[in-house]
Each structure stands twice: as C-alpha cells, then as structure tokens.
C-alpha cells in the first residue's frame, strides 16, 4: 500500500528533478493526464502540477484526438508508460 508520505516524497522528488534541470513551472503550465486516474505515475505528476499552480487537462478515450488535446491545452508535459507485449518485446 502506498502511504501519504510515499506520495509526498515522490512529488518532492519530481520537484527536485525539475529544479535540477533548471526548469521553472508555474500557473502558465499545463499537463495532459493521459494515463488512468488510478495510475500512480500520473497521480504524482498531477499533484506536482497542483503544487506549482499549473493546469491539468484530462484526455478522452479517442486515440486520434490525443494530438488535438495536447494542442488545445498547450500541454508541456504528458506521462506515457510503455507496456512490453509479445510484438514489442524485442525492443526491451
């Protein structure tokens, strides 16, 4: 089980990573939530965006609309998790 402390630590780690890259994020920045709401990677980035005052847009189910969603909210970040399948296992 993930605790509140674990989530806060993950958000703080993301903030440290962003600071290390000398990237400034704030109220003018947007994140497109592409993963399911239960996915912890997406949840950490959402919490981070809320902590810097940024915006969150939620992607709809239609895959062809992804590009339009990114353009509509001017997303500067999107989380994608690659899943290895039998057809993509040679890439790992």
Protein backbone atom coordinates (compact mmCIF):
# COMPACT_ATOMS: atom_id res chain seq x y z
CA UNK A 1 0.00 0.00 0.00
CA UNK A 2 1.23 3.50 -0.81
CA UNK A 3 1.14 5.89 2.09
CA UNK A 4 0.59 9.63 2.07
CA UNK A 5 4.27 10.00 2.99
CA UNK A 6 5.29 8.00 -0.09
CA UNK A 7 3.18 10.17 -2.39
CA UNK A 8 4.52 13.41 -0.88
CA UNK A 9 8.09 12.07 -1.20
CA UNK A 10 7.51 11.21 -4.87
CA UNK A 11 6.15 14.71 -5.57
CA UNK A 12 9.13 16.26 -3.75
CA UNK A 13 11.49 14.07 -5.81
CA UNK A 14 9.85 15.28 -9.01
CA UNK A 15 10.27 18.87 -7.82
CA UNK A 16 13.96 18.16 -7.18
CA UNK A 17 14.35 16.70 -10.65
CA UNK A 18 12.69 19.74 -12.24
CA UNK A 19 14.87 22.08 -10.17
CA UNK A 20 17.99 20.13 -11.16
CA UNK A 21 17.14 20.75 -14.80
CA UNK A 22 16.65 24.45 -14.04
CA UNK A 23 13.08 24.21 -15.32
CA UNK A 24 10.58 26.71 -13.96
CA UNK A 25 6.98 25.53 -13.85
CA UNK A 26 4.02 27.52 -12.62
CA UNK A 27 0.47 28.72 -13.28
CA UNK A 28 1.06 29.14 -17.03
CA UNK A 29 1.99 25.47 -17.49
CA UNK A 30 -0.34 22.58 -18.35
CA UNK A 31 -0.20 18.81 -18.01
CA UNK A 32 -2.25 16.39 -20.10
CA UNK A 33 -3.38 13.47 -17.96
CA UNK A 34 -3.13 10.55 -20.38
CA UNK A 35 -2.94 7.58 -18.01
CA UNK A 36 -5.82 6.22 -15.96
CA UNK A 37 -6.61 8.22 -12.83
CA UNK A 38 -5.57 5.26 -10.68
CA UNK A 39 -2.03 5.19 -12.14
CA UNK A 40 0.46 6.38 -9.50
CA UNK A 41 2.86 7.94 -12.04
CA UNK A 42 0.06 10.13 -13.36
CA UNK A 43 -1.11 10.90 -9.83
CA UNK A 44 2.34 12.13 -8.78
CA UNK A 45 2.58 14.47 -11.77
CA UNK A 46 -0.97 15.75 -11.14
CA UNK A 47 -0.12 16.51 -7.50
CA UNK A 48 3.08 18.23 -8.62
CA UNK A 49 1.19 20.38 -11.12
CA UNK A 50 -1.29 21.35 -8.42
CA UNK A 51 1.59 22.27 -6.10
CA UNK A 52 3.03 24.72 -8.66
CA UNK A 53 -0.40 26.11 -9.59
CA UNK A 54 -0.43 24.53 -13.06
CA UNK A 55 -3.36 23.25 -15.09
CA UNK A 56 -4.42 19.65 -15.72
CA UNK A 57 -6.31 18.51 -18.80
CA UNK A 58 -7.86 15.05 -18.98
CA UNK A 59 -7.57 13.05 -22.17
CA UNK A 60 -10.66 11.49 -23.72
CA UNK A 61 -10.84 7.90 -24.91
CA UNK A 62 -10.41 8.55 -28.64
CA UNK A 63 -6.74 7.96 -29.52
CA UNK A 64 -6.98 10.07 -32.68
CA UNK A 65 -7.90 13.07 -30.53
CA UNK A 66 -4.67 12.99 -28.49
CA UNK A 67 -2.86 15.50 -30.70
CA UNK A 68 -5.84 17.85 -30.57
CA UNK A 69 -5.94 17.60 -26.77
CA UNK A 70 -2.23 18.45 -26.45
CA UNK A 71 -2.67 21.47 -28.71
CA UNK A 72 -5.91 22.60 -27.02
CA UNK A 73 -4.37 22.92 -23.56
CA UNK A 74 -0.80 23.66 -24.71
CA UNK A 75 0.47 20.77 -22.61
CA UNK A 76 4.13 20.97 -21.65
CA UNK A 77 4.08 17.52 -20.06
CA UNK A 78 2.42 14.18 -20.65
CA UNK A 79 3.11 10.85 -18.91
CA UNK A 80 3.25 7.73 -21.03
CA UNK A 81 4.00 4.22 -19.81
CA UNK A 82 5.21 1.76 -22.43
CA UNK A 83 3.95 -1.78 -21.98
CA UNK A 84 6.02 -4.60 -23.47
CA UNK A 85 3.95 -7.11 -25.39
CA UNK A 86 4.94 -10.10 -27.49
CA UNK A 87 5.20 -7.84 -30.55
CA UNK A 88 7.34 -5.20 -28.78
CA UNK A 89 9.44 -7.43 -26.51
CA UNK A 90 12.38 -7.28 -28.93
CA UNK A 91 12.70 -3.55 -28.14
CA UNK A 92 13.37 -4.17 -24.43
